[in-house]
Amino acid sequence: MSNSKGGLLTLGALIIIVAIVTIAGAAQLLISWGEAVALIIAFYGCWLIVASAIRARNPSKYERSAFSLFGWGMLLAAIGFGWDLNIRTEGNWLYTLAVVLLLLGILAIVAALKTSSKKV
């Protein structure tokens, strides 16, 4: 995704995410306005995870690696979903901690599989 198609694809995904969350917030469907920013961050993180899979199939030499993009996606998803859980559970931070630990565990497994596949 070194060309502008990857950037345009990501911009389009971000616009769609913002539009869907805004519509759901305006219609008061399952979310409140306080959760909108958290969900935008979380769903954008999910998009970055999908974009990392696209980048892994078509890597470029001078671009961020697919693993790096996956890591940023996991971080944003953890922050967004943790923030949303914190809002929904009225400040019970244990759910947020559980989400962050779950996503860090997934990232550790992916990192281990990445390093083990290089040795073979």
N, C-alpha and C. Protein backbone atom coordinates (compact mmCIF):
# COMPACT_ATOMS: atom_id res chain seq x y z
N MET A 1 0.81 -1.18 0.00
CA MET A 1 0.00 0.00 0.00
C MET A 1 0.86 1.25 0.00
N SER A 2 1.96 1.22 -0.71
CA SER A 2 2.84 2.38 -0.75
C SER A 2 2.28 3.49 -1.61
N ASN A 3 1.40 3.13 -2.52
CA ASN A 3 0.81 4.16 -3.35
C ASN A 3 -0.32 4.85 -2.60
N SER A 4 -0.96 5.80 -3.26
CA SER A 4 -2.01 6.57 -2.61
C SER A 4 -3.29 5.76 -2.45
N LYS A 5 -3.40 4.59 -3.08
CA LYS A 5 -4.60 3.77 -2.94
C LYS A 5 -4.78 3.31 -1.49
N GLY A 6 -3.70 2.95 -0.82
CA GLY A 6 -3.80 2.50 0.58
C GLY A 6 -4.24 3.62 1.49
N GLY A 7 -3.69 4.81 1.29
CA GLY A 7 -4.10 5.95 2.09
C GLY A 7 -5.54 6.34 1.83
N LEU A 8 -5.93 6.29 0.57
CA LEU A 8 -7.31 6.62 0.21
C LEU A 8 -8.27 5.58 0.76
N LEU A 9 -7.86 4.32 0.75
CA LEU A 9 -8.68 3.24 1.32
C LEU A 9 -8.88 3.43 2.82
N THR A 10 -7.82 3.79 3.51
CA THR A 10 -7.90 4.02 4.96
C THR A 10 -8.73 5.25 5.28
N LEU A 11 -8.59 6.31 4.48
CA LEU A 11 -9.40 7.51 4.68
C LEU A 11 -10.88 7.20 4.46
N GLY A 12 -11.18 6.43 3.43
CA GLY A 12 -12.56 6.04 3.17
C GLY A 12 -13.14 5.22 4.31
N ALA A 13 -12.33 4.30 4.84
CA ALA A 13 -12.79 3.48 5.97
C ALA A 13 -13.05 4.35 7.19
N LEU A 14 -12.19 5.32 7.46
CA LEU A 14 -12.37 6.21 8.60
C LEU A 14 -13.66 7.03 8.44
N ILE A 15 -13.91 7.53 7.24
CA ILE A 15 -15.12 8.32 7.00
C ILE A 15 -16.37 7.46 7.21
N ILE A 16 -16.33 6.22 6.73
CA ILE A 16 -17.47 5.32 6.92
C ILE A 16 -17.68 5.01 8.40
N ILE A 17 -16.61 4.77 9.14
CA ILE A 17 -16.71 4.50 10.57
C ILE A 17 -17.33 5.68 11.30
N VAL A 18 -16.84 6.90 10.99
CA VAL A 18 -17.38 8.09 11.64
C VAL A 18 -18.85 8.27 11.29
N ALA A 19 -19.21 8.03 10.04
CA ALA A 19 -20.61 8.18 9.63
C ALA A 19 -21.52 7.19 10.34
N ILE A 20 -21.11 5.94 10.42
CA ILE A 20 -21.95 4.92 11.06
C ILE A 20 -22.11 5.19 12.55
N VAL A 21 -21.02 5.54 13.22
CA VAL A 21 -21.10 5.83 14.65
C VAL A 21 -21.93 7.09 14.90
N THR A 22 -21.80 8.10 14.03
CA THR A 22 -22.59 9.31 14.17
C THR A 22 -24.08 9.03 13.98
N ILE A 23 -24.41 8.22 12.98
CA ILE A 23 -25.81 7.87 12.75
C ILE A 23 -26.36 7.08 13.93
N ALA A 24 -25.59 6.12 14.43
CA ALA A 24 -26.05 5.32 15.58
C ALA A 24 -26.19 6.19 16.83
N GLY A 25 -25.31 7.16 17.00
CA GLY A 25 -25.41 8.06 18.15
C GLY A 25 -26.59 9.01 18.03
N ALA A 26 -26.83 9.50 16.82
CA ALA A 26 -27.94 10.42 16.61
C ALA A 26 -29.28 9.71 16.79
N ALA A 27 -29.36 8.47 16.36
CA ALA A 27 -30.60 7.70 16.51
C ALA A 27 -30.70 7.04 17.88
N GLN A 28 -29.68 7.22 18.69
CA GLN A 28 -29.60 6.61 20.02
C GLN A 28 -29.79 5.10 19.97
N LEU A 29 -29.12 4.47 19.01
CA LEU A 29 -29.15 3.02 18.86
C LEU A 29 -27.96 2.41 19.59
N LEU A 30 -28.17 1.91 20.75
CA LEU A 30 -27.19 1.18 21.55
C LEU A 30 -26.03 2.02 22.08
N ILE A 31 -25.85 3.23 21.58
CA ILE A 31 -24.72 4.04 22.06
C ILE A 31 -25.22 5.44 22.40
N SER A 32 -24.47 6.09 23.28
CA SER A 32 -24.73 7.48 23.60
C SER A 32 -23.64 8.32 22.95
N TRP A 33 -23.83 9.62 23.00
CA TRP A 33 -22.81 10.49 22.40
C TRP A 33 -21.48 10.39 23.12
N GLY A 34 -21.51 10.07 24.39
CA GLY A 34 -20.26 9.93 25.14
C GLY A 34 -19.40 8.78 24.67
N GLU A 35 -20.04 7.78 24.10
CA GLU A 35 -19.31 6.61 23.62
C GLU A 35 -18.83 6.74 22.17
N ALA A 36 -19.27 7.75 21.48
CA ALA A 36 -19.00 7.86 20.04
C ALA A 36 -17.50 7.91 19.74
N VAL A 37 -16.77 8.74 20.45
CA VAL A 37 -15.33 8.88 20.18
C VAL A 37 -14.60 7.57 20.49
N ALA A 38 -14.98 6.94 21.60
CA ALA A 38 -14.34 5.67 21.97
C ALA A 38 -14.59 4.61 20.91
N LEU A 39 -15.80 4.55 20.38
CA LEU A 39 -16.11 3.55 19.36
C LEU A 39 -15.43 3.87 18.03
N ILE A 40 -15.30 5.14 17.69
CA ILE A 40 -14.57 5.50 16.47
C ILE A 40 -13.13 5.03 16.57
N ILE A 41 -12.49 5.27 17.71
CA ILE A 41 -11.10 4.83 17.91
C ILE A 41 -11.01 3.31 17.85
N ALA A 42 -11.95 2.63 18.49
CA ALA A 42 -11.93 1.16 18.52
C ALA A 42 -12.12 0.57 17.14
N PHE A 43 -13.11 1.05 16.40
CA PHE A 43 -13.37 0.50 15.07
C PHE A 43 -12.27 0.86 14.08
N TYR A 44 -11.65 2.03 14.26
CA TYR A 44 -10.51 2.37 13.41
C TYR A 44 -9.33 1.43 13.69
N GLY A 45 -9.15 1.07 14.95
CA GLY A 45 -8.13 0.08 15.29
C GLY A 45 -8.41 -1.26 14.64
N CYS A 46 -9.70 -1.65 14.61
CA CYS A 46 -10.07 -2.89 13.91
C CYS A 46 -9.78 -2.78 12.42
N TRP A 47 -10.03 -1.61 11.84
CA TRP A 47 -9.71 -1.42 10.43
C TRP A 47 -8.20 -1.55 10.19
N LEU A 48 -7.38 -1.01 11.10
CA LEU A 48 -5.93 -1.12 10.92
C LEU A 48 -5.48 -2.58 10.98
N ILE A 49 -6.15 -3.40 11.77
CA ILE A 49 -5.82 -4.82 11.81
C ILE A 49 -6.13 -5.46 10.46
N VAL A 50 -7.27 -5.10 9.88
CA VAL A 50 -7.62 -5.60 8.54
C VAL A 50 -6.62 -5.08 7.50
N ALA A 51 -6.25 -3.81 7.61
CA ALA A 51 -5.29 -3.23 6.67
C ALA A 51 -3.91 -3.90 6.78
N SER A 52 -3.57 -4.37 7.98
CA SER A 52 -2.29 -5.06 8.13
C SER A 52 -2.30 -6.39 7.38
N ALA A 53 -3.45 -7.05 7.34
CA ALA A 53 -3.55 -8.29 6.55
C ALA A 53 -3.41 -7.99 5.06
N ILE A 54 -3.97 -6.89 4.63
CA ILE A 54 -3.83 -6.49 3.23
C ILE A 54 -2.37 -6.18 2.92
N ARG A 55 -1.72 -5.48 3.84
CA ARG A 55 -0.32 -5.11 3.63
C ARG A 55 0.60 -6.33 3.68
N ALA A 56 0.25 -7.34 4.47
CA ALA A 56 1.09 -8.54 4.56
C ALA A 56 1.11 -9.29 3.24
N ARG A 57 0.01 -9.22 2.51
CA ARG A 57 -0.03 -9.89 1.20
C ARG A 57 0.76 -9.14 0.15
N ASN A 58 0.89 -7.83 0.32
CA ASN A 58 1.52 -6.98 -0.68
C ASN A 58 2.50 -6.02 -0.02
N PRO A 59 3.62 -6.49 0.56
CA PRO A 59 4.51 -5.59 1.31
C PRO A 59 5.29 -4.67 0.38
N SER A 60 5.62 -3.50 0.91
CA SER A 60 6.45 -2.53 0.20
C SER A 60 7.74 -2.35 0.98
N LYS A 61 8.79 -1.96 0.27
CA LYS A 61 10.12 -1.92 0.88
C LYS A 61 10.27 -0.80 1.92
N TYR A 62 9.80 0.39 1.62
CA TYR A 62 10.05 1.53 2.50
C TYR A 62 8.80 1.97 3.26
N GLU A 63 7.97 1.04 3.62
CA GLU A 63 6.75 1.34 4.33
C GLU A 63 6.73 0.64 5.68
N ARG A 64 5.83 1.08 6.53
CA ARG A 64 5.64 0.43 7.82
C ARG A 64 5.26 -1.02 7.58
N SER A 65 5.78 -1.92 8.39
CA SER A 65 5.51 -3.34 8.19
C SER A 65 4.08 -3.69 8.60
N ALA A 66 3.63 -4.83 8.13
CA ALA A 66 2.28 -5.28 8.48
C ALA A 66 2.18 -5.54 9.98
N PHE A 67 3.25 -6.05 10.59
CA PHE A 67 3.23 -6.32 12.02
C PHE A 67 3.11 -5.02 12.82
N SER A 68 3.80 -3.98 12.39
CA SER A 68 3.71 -2.69 13.05
C SER A 68 2.30 -2.11 12.95
N LEU A 69 1.72 -2.22 11.78
CA LEU A 69 0.35 -1.75 11.59
C LEU A 69 -0.62 -2.57 12.44
N PHE A 70 -0.39 -3.87 12.54
CA PHE A 70 -1.21 -4.73 13.39
C PHE A 70 -1.10 -4.30 14.85
N GLY A 71 0.10 -3.99 15.29
CA GLY A 71 0.31 -3.56 16.67
C GLY A 71 -0.41 -2.26 16.98
N TRP A 72 -0.35 -1.30 16.07
CA TRP A 72 -1.06 -0.04 16.27
C TRP A 72 -2.57 -0.27 16.26
N GLY A 73 -3.03 -1.15 15.40
CA GLY A 73 -4.46 -1.47 15.38
C GLY A 73 -4.92 -2.09 16.69
N MET A 74 -4.12 -3.02 17.22
CA MET A 74 -4.46 -3.64 18.50
C MET A 74 -4.47 -2.61 19.63
N LEU A 75 -3.50 -1.70 19.61
CA LEU A 75 -3.43 -0.66 20.64
C LEU A 75 -4.66 0.24 20.58
N LEU A 76 -5.03 0.69 19.39
CA LEU A 76 -6.20 1.55 19.26
C LEU A 76 -7.48 0.82 19.63
N ALA A 77 -7.58 -0.45 19.23
CA ALA A 77 -8.77 -1.23 19.58
C ALA A 77 -8.86 -1.41 21.10
N ALA A 78 -7.74 -1.68 21.74
CA ALA A 78 -7.74 -1.85 23.20
C ALA A 78 -8.14 -0.56 23.90
N ILE A 79 -7.60 0.56 23.44
CA ILE A 79 -7.94 1.85 24.05
C ILE A 79 -9.42 2.16 23.84
N GLY A 80 -9.88 2.00 22.61
CA GLY A 80 -11.27 2.35 22.31
C GLY A 80 -12.28 1.46 23.01
N PHE A 81 -12.10 0.14 22.92
CA PHE A 81 -13.05 -0.76 23.57
C PHE A 81 -12.94 -0.69 25.09
N GLY A 82 -11.74 -0.48 25.60
CA GLY A 82 -11.59 -0.31 27.05
C GLY A 82 -12.27 0.95 27.54
N TRP A 83 -12.13 2.02 26.79
CA TRP A 83 -12.78 3.29 27.14
C TRP A 83 -14.30 3.13 27.09
N ASP A 84 -14.79 2.44 26.06
CA ASP A 84 -16.23 2.21 25.94
C ASP A 84 -16.75 1.35 27.10
N LEU A 85 -16.02 0.32 27.46
CA LEU A 85 -16.43 -0.50 28.61
C LEU A 85 -16.41 0.30 29.90
N ASN A 86 -15.46 1.18 30.02
CA ASN A 86 -15.38 2.03 31.21
C ASN A 86 -16.60 2.94 31.29
N ILE A 87 -17.05 3.45 30.16
CA ILE A 87 -18.26 4.29 30.13
C ILE A 87 -19.50 3.46 30.44
N ARG A 88 -19.61 2.29 29.82
CA ARG A 88 -20.81 1.46 29.98
C ARG A 88 -20.92 0.86 31.38
N THR A 89 -19.81 0.58 32.03
CA THR A 89 -19.86 -0.02 33.37
C THR A 89 -19.72 1.01 34.47
N GLU A 90 -19.85 2.28 34.10
CA GLU A 90 -19.83 3.39 35.05
C GLU A 90 -18.56 3.43 35.89
N GLY A 91 -17.44 3.31 35.24
CA GLY A 91 -16.16 3.50 35.89
C GLY A 91 -15.52 2.26 36.48
N ASN A 92 -16.05 1.07 36.22
CA ASN A 92 -15.42 -0.15 36.72
C ASN A 92 -14.23 -0.47 35.81
N TRP A 93 -13.04 -0.15 36.26
CA TRP A 93 -11.84 -0.25 35.43
C TRP A 93 -11.34 -1.68 35.25
N LEU A 94 -11.90 -2.64 35.97
CA LEU A 94 -11.46 -4.03 35.82
C LEU A 94 -11.78 -4.58 34.43
N TYR A 95 -12.92 -4.18 33.88
CA TYR A 95 -13.26 -4.60 32.52
C TYR A 95 -12.27 -4.03 31.51
N THR A 96 -11.90 -2.78 31.71
CA THR A 96 -10.93 -2.14 30.84
C THR A 96 -9.58 -2.85 30.93
N LEU A 97 -9.17 -3.17 32.12
CA LEU A 97 -7.91 -3.90 32.32
C LEU A 97 -7.97 -5.27 31.65
N ALA A 98 -9.11 -5.95 31.75
CA ALA A 98 -9.25 -7.27 31.12
C ALA A 98 -9.14 -7.17 29.61
N VAL A 99 -9.74 -6.15 29.01
CA VAL A 99 -9.65 -5.97 27.55
C VAL A 99 -8.22 -5.69 27.13
N VAL A 100 -7.55 -4.81 27.84
CA VAL A 100 -6.15 -4.49 27.50
C VAL A 100 -5.27 -5.72 27.64
N LEU A 101 -5.44 -6.49 28.71
CA LEU A 101 -4.64 -7.71 28.89
C LEU A 101 -4.94 -8.75 27.81
N LEU A 102 -6.21 -8.88 27.43
CA LEU A 102 -6.57 -9.81 26.36
C LEU A 102 -5.90 -9.43 25.05
N LEU A 103 -5.95 -8.17 24.69
CA LEU A 103 -5.36 -7.74 23.43
C LEU A 103 -3.82 -7.78 23.48
N LEU A 104 -3.23 -7.51 24.63
CA LEU A 104 -1.77 -7.66 24.75
C LEU A 104 -1.35 -9.12 24.62
N GLY A 105 -2.17 -10.03 25.16
CA GLY A 105 -1.90 -11.46 25.00
C GLY A 105 -1.95 -11.88 23.54
N ILE A 106 -2.96 -11.38 22.81
CA ILE A 106 -3.05 -11.69 21.38
C ILE A 106 -1.84 -11.15 20.64
N LEU A 107 -1.43 -9.93 20.97
CA LEU A 107 -0.25 -9.34 20.33
C LEU A 107 1.01 -10.15 20.64
N ALA A 108 1.15 -10.65 21.86
CA ALA A 108 2.31 -11.47 22.22
C ALA A 108 2.32 -12.78 21.44
N ILE A 109 1.15 -13.38 21.26
CA ILE A 109 1.07 -14.63 20.49
C ILE A 109 1.45 -14.39 19.04
N VAL A 110 0.95 -13.29 18.47
CA VAL A 110 1.28 -12.98 17.07
C VAL A 110 2.77 -12.70 16.94
N ALA A 111 3.35 -11.99 17.90
CA ALA A 111 4.79 -11.72 17.85
C ALA A 111 5.60 -13.01 17.95
N ALA A 112 5.16 -13.93 18.80
CA ALA A 112 5.86 -15.21 18.93
C ALA A 112 5.76 -16.01 17.64
N LEU A 113 4.59 -16.03 17.04
CA LEU A 113 4.42 -16.75 15.78
C LEU A 113 5.22 -16.11 14.65
N LYS A 114 5.35 -14.79 14.68
CA LYS A 114 6.12 -14.08 13.66
C LYS A 114 7.60 -14.44 13.76
N THR A 115 8.12 -14.47 14.98
CA THR A 115 9.54 -14.78 15.15
C THR A 115 9.83 -16.26 14.89
N SER A 116 8.89 -17.14 15.21
CA SER A 116 9.11 -18.56 14.97
C SER A 116 9.01 -18.91 13.49
N SER A 117 8.23 -18.16 12.74
CA SER A 117 8.12 -18.44 11.30
C SER A 117 9.35 -17.99 10.53
N LYS A 118 10.10 -17.01 11.07
CA LYS A 118 11.31 -16.54 10.40
C LYS A 118 12.44 -17.55 10.53
N LYS A 119 12.47 -18.31 11.63
CA LYS A 119 13.56 -19.26 11.86
C LYS A 119 13.45 -20.49 10.99
N VAL A 120 12.26 -20.82 10.56
CA VAL A 120 12.04 -22.05 9.79
C VAL A 120 12.38 -21.83 8.35
